[in-house]
Structures are given as structure tokens and as C-alpha cells.
Protein backbone atom coordinates (compact mmCIF):
# COMPACT_ATOMS: atom_id res chain seq x y z
CA UNK A 1 -3.76 -4.67 11.96
CA UNK A 2 -2.44 -8.01 13.21
CA UNK A 3 0.29 -7.78 10.59
CA UNK A 4 1.26 -4.29 11.74
CA UNK A 5 1.26 -5.50 15.35
CA UNK A 6 3.97 -8.00 14.45
CA UNK A 7 6.37 -5.09 13.83
CA UNK A 8 6.57 -4.62 17.61
CA UNK A 9 7.94 -8.15 17.90
CA UNK A 10 10.94 -7.45 15.65
CA UNK A 11 13.24 -4.91 17.38
CA UNK A 12 15.58 -4.61 14.39
CA UNK A 13 12.68 -3.74 12.08
CA UNK A 14 11.43 -1.20 14.63
CA UNK A 15 14.83 0.49 14.68
CA UNK A 16 15.00 0.59 10.89
CA UNK A 17 11.53 2.10 10.55
CA UNK A 18 12.24 4.65 13.27
CA UNK A 19 15.50 5.64 11.59
CA UNK A 20 13.73 6.05 8.23
CA UNK A 21 11.03 8.23 9.79
CA UNK A 22 13.71 10.32 11.51
CA UNK A 23 15.41 10.89 8.15
CA UNK A 24 12.03 11.93 6.69
CA UNK A 25 11.69 14.48 9.49
CA UNK A 26 15.15 15.90 8.77
CA UNK A 27 14.26 16.07 5.07
CA UNK A 28 11.05 17.99 5.74
CA UNK A 29 12.84 20.43 8.07
CA UNK A 30 15.52 21.04 5.42
CA UNK A 31 12.82 21.80 2.83
CA UNK A 32 11.92 24.89 4.89
CA UNK A 33 15.48 26.28 5.27
CA UNK A 34 15.76 28.92 2.50
CA UNK A 35 18.86 29.92 0.58
CA UNK A 36 20.21 33.24 1.96
CA UNK A 37 19.34 36.33 -0.03
CA UNK A 38 16.11 35.05 -1.64
CA UNK A 39 12.71 36.66 -1.04
CA UNK A 40 10.78 33.46 -0.41
CA UNK A 41 7.36 35.16 -0.36
CA UNK A 42 7.92 36.85 -3.72
CA UNK A 43 9.29 33.64 -5.24
CA UNK A 44 6.27 31.66 -3.99
CA UNK A 45 4.00 34.24 -5.63
CA UNK A 46 5.91 33.92 -8.90
CA UNK A 47 5.81 30.11 -8.77
CA UNK A 48 2.09 30.13 -8.09
CA UNK A 49 1.42 32.22 -11.20
CA UNK A 50 4.07 30.93 -13.61
CA UNK A 51 5.69 27.92 -11.97
CA UNK A 52 4.08 25.28 -14.15
CA UNK A 53 5.62 22.83 -16.56
CA UNK A 54 9.12 21.73 -15.63
CA UNK A 55 9.26 24.09 -12.63
CA UNK A 56 6.12 22.51 -11.24
CA UNK A 57 7.58 19.06 -11.84
CA UNK A 58 10.80 20.02 -10.00
CA UNK A 59 8.74 21.39 -7.14
CA UNK A 60 6.77 18.13 -6.92
CA UNK A 61 9.85 15.90 -6.88
CA UNK A 62 11.55 18.05 -4.23
CA UNK A 63 8.57 18.16 -1.90
CA UNK A 64 8.00 21.90 -2.36
CA UNK A 65 11.65 22.74 -1.70
CA UNK A 66 12.10 24.41 -5.09
CA UNK A 67 9.06 26.61 -4.55
CA UNK A 68 10.64 27.92 -1.33
CA UNK A 69 14.19 27.80 -2.77
CA UNK A 70 15.41 25.87 0.24
CA UNK A 71 18.81 24.21 0.55
CA UNK A 72 17.18 21.03 -0.87
CA UNK A 73 15.83 22.82 -3.96
CA UNK A 74 17.83 20.66 -6.39
CA UNK A 75 16.61 17.49 -4.69
CA UNK A 76 18.33 14.18 -5.29
CA UNK A 77 18.19 14.43 -9.09
CA UNK A 78 21.90 15.35 -9.60
CA UNK A 79 22.87 12.11 -7.85
CA UNK A 80 20.49 10.12 -10.05
CA UNK A 81 21.92 11.81 -13.16
CA UNK A 82 25.45 10.93 -12.05
CA UNK A 83 24.39 7.31 -11.47
CA UNK A 84 22.95 7.17 -14.99
CA UNK A 85 26.17 8.55 -16.46
CA UNK A 86 28.33 5.89 -14.82
CA UNK A 87 25.86 3.14 -15.73
CA UNK A 88 26.19 4.18 -19.37
CA UNK A 89 29.97 4.54 -19.09
CA UNK A 90 30.19 0.95 -17.84
CA UNK A 91 29.03 -0.15 -21.29
CA UNK A 92 31.63 1.80 -23.27
CA UNK A 93 34.56 2.36 -20.87
CA UNK A 94 36.54 -0.83 -20.10
CA UNK A 95 37.89 0.52 -16.79
CA UNK A 96 34.39 1.15 -15.38
CA UNK A 97 33.23 -2.23 -16.68
CA UNK A 98 36.17 -3.92 -14.97
CA UNK A 99 35.37 -2.16 -11.70
CA UNK A 100 31.83 -3.54 -11.85
CA UNK A 101 33.21 -7.06 -12.07
CA UNK A 102 35.52 -6.64 -9.06
CA UNK A 103 32.74 -7.10 -6.54
CA UNK A 104 32.28 -4.95 -3.46
CA UNK A 105 35.60 -3.10 -3.84
CA UNK A 106 34.80 -2.10 -7.43
CA UNK A 107 31.29 -0.95 -6.51
CA UNK A 108 32.71 1.24 -3.76
CA UNK A 109 35.09 2.85 -6.23
CA UNK A 110 32.26 3.52 -8.69
CA UNK A 111 30.13 4.96 -5.86
CA UNK A 112 33.00 7.28 -5.00
CA UNK A 113 33.21 8.47 -8.61
CA UNK A 114 29.43 8.95 -8.61
CA UNK A 115 29.65 11.16 -5.53
CA UNK A 116 32.29 13.35 -7.17
CA UNK A 117 30.14 13.66 -10.30
CA UNK A 118 27.14 14.56 -8.11
CA UNK A 119 29.04 17.49 -6.62
CA UNK A 120 30.03 18.72 -10.08
CA UNK A 121 26.52 18.41 -11.54
CA UNK A 122 25.00 20.05 -8.46
CA UNK A 123 27.39 22.99 -8.77
CA UNK A 124 26.53 23.48 -12.45
CA UNK A 125 22.79 23.35 -11.76
CA UNK A 126 23.20 25.65 -8.75
CA UNK A 127 24.95 28.27 -10.90
CA UNK A 128 22.15 28.08 -13.46
CA UNK A 129 19.57 28.38 -10.69
CA UNK A 130 21.29 31.46 -9.22
CA UNK A 131 21.30 33.12 -12.65
CA UNK A 132 17.61 32.33 -13.05
CA UNK A 133 16.79 33.71 -9.59
CA UNK A 134 18.55 36.99 -10.34
CA UNK A 135 16.42 37.41 -13.48
CA UNK A 136 13.05 36.62 -11.87
CA UNK A 137 11.06 39.85 -11.63
CA UNK A 138 7.73 40.34 -9.87
CA UNK A 139 5.55 43.11 -11.41
CA UNK A 140 5.44 45.99 -8.94
CA UNK A 141 7.73 44.27 -6.43
CA UNK A 142 11.07 43.99 -8.22
CA UNK A 143 13.31 40.94 -8.14
CA UNK A 144 13.29 38.00 -5.73
CA UNK A 145 17.00 38.45 -4.94
CA UNK A 146 17.80 41.32 -2.58
CA UNK A 147 21.52 41.64 -3.44
CA UNK A 148 22.40 40.02 -6.77
CA UNK A 149 26.00 39.54 -7.71
CA UNK A 150 28.98 37.24 -7.29
CA UNK A 151 28.46 36.92 -3.55
CA UNK A 152 24.88 35.72 -3.99
CA UNK A 153 25.93 33.25 -6.68
CA UNK A 154 28.67 31.78 -4.48
CA UNK A 155 26.32 31.45 -1.49
CA UNK A 156 23.63 29.84 -3.65
CA UNK A 157 26.07 27.35 -5.19
CA UNK A 158 27.43 26.45 -1.75
CA UNK A 159 23.97 26.08 -0.20
CA UNK A 160 22.34 24.05 -3.00
CA UNK A 161 25.36 21.80 -3.58
CA UNK A 162 25.70 21.08 0.13
CA UNK A 163 21.97 20.33 0.33
CA UNK A 164 22.16 17.82 -2.52
CA UNK A 165 25.24 16.13 -1.04
CA UNK A 166 23.46 15.89 2.31
CA UNK A 167 20.42 14.29 0.62
CA UNK A 168 22.76 11.83 -1.13
CA UNK A 169 24.28 10.88 2.24
CA UNK A 170 20.82 10.63 3.78
CA UNK A 171 19.63 8.29 1.03
CA UNK A 172 22.64 6.02 1.49
CA UNK A 173 22.04 5.95 5.25
CA UNK A 174 18.38 4.99 4.78
CA UNK A 175 19.38 2.16 2.45
CA UNK A 176 21.98 0.86 4.89
CA UNK A 177 20.35 1.48 8.27
CA UNK A 178 16.70 2.06 7.40
CA UNK A 179 14.13 0.17 5.36
CA UNK A 180 13.80 0.34 1.58
CA UNK A 181 15.79 2.18 -1.09
CA UNK A 182 16.84 5.51 0.38
CA UNK A 183 16.99 7.50 -2.88
CA UNK A 184 13.53 6.33 -3.96
CA UNK A 185 12.10 6.99 -0.49
CA UNK A 186 13.34 10.60 -0.53
CA UNK A 187 11.52 11.17 -3.83
CA UNK A 188 8.52 9.30 -2.37
CA UNK A 189 8.48 11.61 0.68
CA UNK A 190 8.59 14.71 -1.52
CA UNK A 191 5.68 13.59 -3.70
CA UNK A 192 3.52 12.43 -0.78
CA UNK A 193 4.03 15.79 0.93
CA UNK A 194 2.52 17.54 -2.10
CA UNK A 195 -0.55 15.29 -2.45
CA UNK A 196 -2.63 16.82 0.42
CA UNK A 197 -2.14 20.28 -1.06
CA UNK A 198 -3.15 18.94 -4.46
CA UNK A 199 -6.35 17.52 -3.01
CA UNK A 200 -7.15 20.83 -1.29
CA UNK A 201 -6.51 22.79 -4.50
CA UNK A 202 -8.76 20.44 -6.47
CA UNK A 203 -11.55 20.77 -3.92
CA UNK A 204 -11.16 24.56 -4.06
CA UNK A 205 -11.81 24.39 -7.81
CA UNK A 206 -15.06 22.62 -6.99
CA UNK A 207 -15.92 25.20 -4.32
CA UNK A 208 -15.41 28.08 -6.77
CA UNK A 209 -17.54 26.40 -9.43
CA UNK A 210 -14.73 25.62 -11.89
CA UNK A 211 -15.24 21.89 -11.30
CA UNK A 212 -18.52 20.04 -10.84
CA UNK A 213 -19.07 17.10 -8.53
CA UNK A 214 -18.81 14.84 -11.57
CA UNK A 215 -15.29 16.15 -12.22
CA UNK A 216 -14.30 15.30 -8.63
CA UNK A 217 -15.81 11.82 -8.84
CA UNK A 218 -14.16 11.25 -12.23
CA UNK A 219 -10.74 12.25 -10.86
CA UNK A 220 -11.16 9.98 -7.83
CA UNK A 221 -12.24 7.01 -9.98
CA UNK A 222 -9.40 7.66 -12.40
CA UNK A 223 -6.78 7.73 -9.61
CA UNK A 224 -8.13 4.53 -8.03
CA UNK A 225 -8.08 2.81 -11.43
CA UNK A 226 -4.48 3.93 -12.06
CA UNK A 227 -3.37 2.74 -8.61
CA UNK A 228 -5.11 -0.62 -9.11
CA UNK A 229 -3.46 -1.03 -12.52
CA UNK A 230 -0.04 -0.18 -11.10
CA UNK A 231 -0.39 -2.71 -8.27
CA UNK A 232 -1.62 -5.38 -10.69
CA UNK A 233 1.25 -5.00 -13.16
CA UNK A 234 3.97 -4.45 -10.53
CA UNK A 235 3.14 -7.82 -8.94
CA UNK A 236 2.74 -9.63 -12.28
CA UNK A 237 5.26 -12.32 -13.18
CA UNK A 238 6.12 -14.56 -16.10
CA UNK A 239 7.15 -17.89 -14.61
CA UNK A 240 9.52 -20.07 -16.63
CA UNK A 241 9.28 -23.75 -15.55
CA UNK A 242 12.56 -25.24 -14.29
CA UNK A 243 13.18 -28.85 -13.40
CA UNK A 244 15.97 -30.48 -11.40
CA UNK A 245 16.56 -34.23 -12.05
CA UNK A 246 16.80 -36.91 -9.40
CA UNK A 247 20.25 -37.33 -7.88
CA UNK A 248 22.03 -39.58 -5.42
CA UNK A 249 24.19 -38.17 -2.63
CA UNK A 250 25.92 -40.94 -0.68
CA UNK A 251 23.25 -43.48 0.15
CA UNK A 252 20.38 -41.04 -0.12
CA UNK A 253 18.21 -40.55 -3.19
CA UNK A 254 16.76 -37.10 -3.83
CA UNK A 255 13.72 -36.86 -6.07
CA UNK A 256 13.54 -34.39 -8.93
CA UNK A 257 12.18 -30.95 -8.14
CA UNK A 258 9.86 -28.87 -10.30
CA UNK A 259 10.08 -25.14 -9.71
CA UNK A 260 10.01 -21.95 -11.75
CA UNK A 261 12.10 -18.90 -12.60
CA UNK A 262 9.99 -15.77 -11.89
CA UNK A 263 10.47 -12.83 -14.26
CA UNK A 264 8.70 -9.62 -13.31
CA UNK A 265 6.74 -8.00 -16.12
CA UNK A 266 8.17 -4.65 -15.03
CA UNK A 267 11.66 -5.70 -13.99
CA UNK A 268 12.96 -2.12 -13.96
CA UNK A 269 10.30 -0.91 -11.49
CA UNK A 270 10.02 2.86 -11.06
CA UNK A 271 13.61 3.50 -12.16
CA UNK A 272 12.90 4.37 -15.87
CA UNK A 273 10.58 7.34 -15.18
CA UNK A 274 12.88 8.62 -12.41
CA UNK A 275 15.87 8.39 -14.74
CA UNK A 276 13.91 10.03 -17.57
CA UNK A 277 12.84 12.98 -15.39
CA UNK A 278 16.41 13.40 -14.14
CA UNK A 279 17.78 13.47 -17.69
CA UNK A 280 15.16 16.03 -18.81
CA UNK A 281 15.70 18.22 -15.76
CA UNK A 282 19.40 18.84 -16.33
CA UNK A 283 19.24 20.47 -19.82
CA UNK A 284 16.24 22.53 -18.72
CA UNK A 285 18.26 23.90 -15.81
CA UNK A 286 21.15 24.73 -18.15
CA UNK A 287 18.81 26.80 -20.36
CA UNK A 288 18.47 29.20 -17.42
CA UNK A 289 21.96 30.46 -18.28
CA UNK A 290 20.52 32.00 -21.43
CA UNK A 291 18.09 34.79 -20.59
CA UNK A 292 18.34 36.61 -23.94
CA UNK A 293 15.59 36.20 -26.53
CA UNK A 294 16.42 33.31 -28.82
CA UNK A 295 14.15 31.10 -30.87
CA UNK A 296 16.32 28.06 -30.21
CA UNK A 297 16.37 28.55 -26.43
CA UNK A 298 12.64 29.33 -26.35
CA UNK A 299 11.89 26.19 -28.37
CA UNK A 300 14.13 24.12 -26.11
CA UNK A 301 12.40 25.42 -22.98
CA UNK A 302 9.00 24.67 -24.51
CA UNK A 303 10.12 21.21 -25.58
CA UNK A 304 11.28 20.44 -22.03
CA UNK A 305 8.04 21.60 -20.40
CA UNK A 306 5.53 18.88 -19.41
CA UNK A 307 2.26 18.89 -21.30
CA UNK A 308 3.63 19.61 -24.77
CA UNK A 309 3.90 16.89 -27.39
CA UNK A 310 7.68 17.36 -27.68
CA UNK A 311 8.24 16.73 -23.97
CA UNK A 312 5.87 13.78 -23.82
CA UNK A 313 7.48 12.18 -26.89
CA UNK A 314 11.01 12.57 -25.49
CA UNK A 315 9.81 11.39 -22.09
CA UNK A 316 8.21 8.26 -23.59
CA UNK A 317 11.33 7.40 -25.61
CA UNK A 318 13.55 7.82 -22.53
CA UNK A 319 11.26 5.54 -20.50
CA UNK A 320 11.44 2.92 -23.24
CA UNK A 321 15.24 3.16 -23.36
CA UNK A 322 15.79 3.01 -19.60
CA UNK A 323 13.32 0.13 -19.20
CA UNK A 324 15.50 -2.05 -21.44
CA UNK A 325 18.78 -0.58 -20.19
CA UNK A 326 18.09 -1.06 -16.48
CA UNK A 327 16.66 -4.53 -17.05
CA UNK A 328 19.85 -5.50 -18.90
CA UNK A 329 21.93 -4.16 -16.01
CA UNK A 330 19.90 -5.99 -13.36
CA UNK A 331 19.29 -9.32 -15.09
CA UNK A 332 21.80 -11.28 -17.19
CA UNK A 333 20.25 -14.31 -18.95
CA UNK A 334 23.70 -15.84 -19.61
CA UNK A 335 24.54 -15.88 -15.89
CA UNK A 336 21.14 -17.34 -15.03
CA UNK A 337 21.52 -20.10 -17.64
CA UNK A 338 25.03 -20.93 -16.37
CA UNK A 339 23.80 -21.16 -12.78
CA UNK A 340 21.00 -23.48 -13.82
CA UNK A 341 23.43 -25.71 -15.73
CA UNK A 342 25.91 -25.86 -12.85
CA UNK A 343 23.17 -26.92 -10.44
CA UNK A 344 21.73 -29.52 -12.81
CA UNK A 345 18.59 -27.55 -13.60
CA UNK A 346 17.07 -27.14 -17.04
CA UNK A 347 14.04 -25.68 -18.78
CA UNK A 348 11.89 -28.52 -20.18
CA UNK A 349 12.23 -28.70 -23.95
CA UNK A 350 15.24 -26.35 -24.08
CA UNK A 351 18.89 -27.39 -24.18
CA UNK A 352 21.07 -26.16 -21.32
CA UNK A 353 23.64 -23.43 -21.90
CA UNK A 354 23.35 -20.97 -24.78
CA UNK A 355 19.92 -22.20 -25.90
CA UNK A 356 18.53 -21.63 -22.42
CA UNK A 357 20.10 -18.15 -22.27
CA UNK A 358 18.56 -17.26 -25.66
CA UNK A 359 15.19 -18.62 -24.57
CA UNK A 360 15.21 -16.56 -21.35
CA UNK A 361 16.41 -13.49 -23.26
CA UNK A 362 13.54 -13.76 -25.77
CA UNK A 363 10.96 -13.99 -23.01
CA UNK A 364 12.60 -11.16 -21.05
CA UNK A 365 12.65 -8.93 -24.14
CA UNK A 366 8.93 -9.48 -24.78
CA UNK A 367 7.80 -8.83 -21.22
CA UNK A 368 10.16 -5.84 -20.90
CA UNK A 369 8.58 -4.33 -24.01
CA UNK A 370 5.16 -4.81 -22.46
CA UNK A 371 6.39 -3.37 -19.16
CA UNK A 372 7.87 -0.35 -20.96
CA UNK A 373 4.59 0.41 -22.73
CA UNK A 374 2.79 0.05 -19.40
CA UNK A 375 5.14 2.66 -17.90
CA UNK A 376 4.60 4.98 -20.86
CA UNK A 377 0.82 4.72 -20.59
CA UNK A 378 0.83 5.30 -16.84
CA UNK A 379 3.31 8.21 -16.97
CA UNK A 380 2.40 9.99 -20.19
CA UNK A 381 -1.31 9.50 -20.88
CA UNK A 382 -2.64 10.78 -17.52
CA UNK A 383 -0.34 13.81 -17.76
CA UNK A 384 -1.63 14.66 -21.24
CA UNK A 385 -5.28 14.19 -20.25
CA UNK A 386 -4.96 16.09 -17.00
CA UNK A 387 -3.06 18.95 -18.61
CA UNK A 388 -5.78 19.18 -21.23
CA UNK A 389 -8.56 19.31 -18.64
CA UNK A 390 -6.69 21.60 -16.25
CA UNK A 391 -6.17 19.18 -13.36
CA UNK A 392 -3.12 19.97 -11.14
CA UNK A 393 0.06 18.22 -12.30
CA UNK A 394 0.74 16.36 -9.04
CA UNK A 395 -2.10 13.98 -9.92
CA UNK A 396 -0.04 12.82 -12.90
CA UNK A 397 0.68 9.17 -13.48
CA UNK A 398 4.42 9.56 -12.81
CA UNK A 399 3.79 10.66 -9.23
CA UNK A 400 1.31 7.86 -8.59
CA UNK A 401 3.62 5.29 -10.17
CA UNK A 402 6.55 6.29 -7.96
CA UNK A 403 4.45 6.47 -4.79
CA UNK A 404 2.74 3.11 -5.32
CA UNK A 405 5.86 1.37 -6.66
CA UNK A 406 8.09 2.53 -3.81
CA UNK A 407 5.40 1.67 -1.27
CA UNK A 408 5.11 -1.88 -2.65
CA UNK A 409 8.88 -2.42 -2.63
CA UNK A 410 9.23 -1.05 0.91
CA UNK A 411 6.33 -3.17 2.15
CA UNK A 412 7.94 -6.23 0.55
CA UNK A 413 11.20 -5.56 2.39
CA UNK A 414 9.34 -5.15 5.70
CA UNK A 415 7.48 -8.36 4.91
CA UNK A 416 10.77 -10.16 4.33
CA UNK A 417 12.15 -8.96 7.68
CA UNK A 418 9.12 -10.32 9.53
CA UNK A 419 8.91 -13.60 7.65
CA UNK A 420 12.60 -14.22 8.27
CA UNK A 421 11.80 -14.23 11.96
CA UNK A 422 8.72 -16.47 11.58
CA UNK A 423 6.14 -13.71 11.98
CA UNK A 424 3.18 -13.18 9.69
CA UNK A 425 3.41 -10.30 7.25
CA UNK A 426 1.13 -7.31 6.83
CA UNK A 427 -1.73 -9.41 5.49
CA UNK A 428 -1.59 -11.85 8.38
CA UNK A 429 -1.71 -15.64 8.38
CA UNK A 430 -5.17 -15.71 6.80
CA UNK A 431 -4.51 -13.13 4.13
CA UNK A 432 -1.25 -14.62 2.86
CA UNK A 433 1.90 -12.82 1.77
CA UNK A 434 2.64 -10.11 -0.72
CA UNK A 435 3.37 -12.01 -3.90
CA UNK A 436 3.01 -11.88 -7.64
CA UNK A 437 -0.03 -13.21 -9.39
CA UNK A 438 0.00 -16.69 -10.89
CA UNK A 439 -0.11 -17.23 -14.61
């Protein structure tokens, strides 16, 4: 509590937190603004009976917006998909790679391209969603769309695309003027909003006799264990010893300094599962164009539905790929080795330059592999077990990983704001700071 009280002593941090909370409020209001022409009650009934698998996952990541077919029904996923596309293009397209090396001006240009791609992807997904809505039929009640046709499709595309673009702008504003990563916090807000309902639904299973008290206790213990494991690994570091020799500047002699280069075990954070879900969501949405009976389309829909072995296998492989890909984008061993050499630092027992870069790269590859398997276990195994035992999907490991990971990163940024102004962090002077464990 003393750590939280310090927030009142930092006006800038207060403003940032207030702005972030205001954006959360706008997000929640937008989740209840439906697309014109959709029978929200009938759609909610359909989603309750059949909205499992990928539809349930979309509903979780959008904070219930998809269930109500609000203007935020597509969520922020089209923007994430566009970001992935340009990250991959930077590897194979020289022009994009050159823009990345041009500093702030190049990043702004890439961000502009990403926004254009977001609009295009949102429009494509919105068209597919409108086609799907027109084909949803409720037994005894008809369709969920009152007036299907070109007019409804145009209004749906305009509403959903505008909603996604607004969320993209909101995320950028949170990052710039709020606290934490805006895109991650929007996903965080959507998942957290669904957790109370998940708890109530689980307790209702106990009340109706479908679950025993031992099931409830087992779920609670399991969730606590998963959260504890996530916190433990997210703060874990591999520290490479670095030494700076003694040097003389003018008439003053500076002694050698022994320090370390911290490498996070999970350098990519929560980005790999978010990227993987975004990649899987897009082709599933496109399959809504095809409503005719087809073995290929039916197999593809089944393969892209959470709980099946095809989906979990693809999901795990995508997490593994994005763990290495995002780590390579964020951390360049060659640049780190060059900076050490220019400043006179070296790793004991390793020659400066290329040997140091290779040494760091080997260590980074090993810990990234371990971090990737940790992400796969947390995201895939709980989902498989909980699907098997009939536990609601929002208790899956992916949701917990994103919630806990984003919370830790946001708390670390708030901690940095307070420590920069000589105030104790959330844990107070006696508790210490948020930091990685020692090896």
C-alpha cells in the first residue's frame, strides 16, 4: 500500500494511469455498441449454444464484443496481423529492411504502411463476418440479420473496419500518453472483462451438480500454479558476466568494473501467442465465405478450432516460430558485441568481436528454445486438459499468460517512473524492486 501511495506523488504517472483507465472505459462502452441490422439477442443465444472453439476464442480476446457483434467485434487482431506481415517482409524485402535502419523516420513510414494494411485486412474480415451473419439461423426464430443484402454488408464492413481502426488509434495513444503497451493492454482489458463471467459460470456448474467441490479446488490450485509459474519464468534471467578493464582519464584512474549482461529466458514475452492467435484467426474468418458443404472447408474449420489436435499442433509450431523470430528482431548479438568492444568491455574467456557475438547467440538460442517450450506448455497443455474435462475456455493458459505477462510489464513501467523520481516502487523500500531472479 505504501508503494501505491507513492503514485500520488508523481503527477505525470497519475495522468498516464488516468488516461489509460479512460481509454479502457471507452473500449468497454464501444463493446456494447452493436452493428446496425443485427439481432443481438438471437446472436447471443446462438453463440451460447454453438459459439465454442475459434468463435469462443475471438469472443474472449475482444472482451465479449464478438458475442454482441459490436463495432469492436474484430478487435485489434487485424492490426497485429498487419504488423506480423511487415515484420516478415523486412527480412525478404530490401526496401522495408532499409526503412527499419533509417531510424525514427523509417519506423514512421512502416507504421503508416501497417495502418493501411490494417484497413485492408479489417475490410476483408468484415466482409467474411457479414456473410457469416447472414447465414446464421436460429431454429424457430429465423436469421440474426433483419435485412440481409448489399446494404447490410456495406454497413457491417464500414462499422467493423472503423471500429478496428479506432482501436488501433486507441492503442497507439495509450502507448504514447498512457502507461504500458497499448495494443497488449487492449487485449488484456478484453480478457479480464471475461474472467468474472467465467468464474460465475464455473460456480454455476458446481451449483447444478456437474462439478464437485474437488473440481473447484483443483481448478483454483491449477490456476494459482500456472500464474506462479508464469511469474517465475517471466522474471528469470541468464546473466552473462562482463568486465571492463581499468582505464586512465586525464590524471584520474578508474578501476575495472564487473557487471553482467541480462538475457531474459522469455525474451519475446507474450508476443508469440498473440501473434499465433492472430495468424490462426484470419484464415478461419476467410472460411466463412464458403457456406456450401465441402470436406476441405469442413476440415479446415475443424483444424482451426481450439481443442483439436490439429489446432494445438499448428498453434504450438507458430509459438515456437514467433518466439525465435521476435527474439531475433528485438535482440541482435552482433550489435551487442560491437557495443561491448567499443566501450572496452569483454566477456571473460571469450575474444571480443565475432567470438563474443557467437557466444551470446549460442546462449540466446538455448534460452529462447527453453522459453518457447515454456510458452507452448502454458498455452497448449491447459487448453487441452480443460477442453477434455469441460472447463470453460477462458481459463486457458493463453489468457492467463497474457494477463499476467502484460500486468508484469505494466507494473515494471510504473515502477520505473517512480524510481526515476526517487520514490519507492510497489513493493516499498523494505520489499525491494521488481527484478529478475539471480542465477
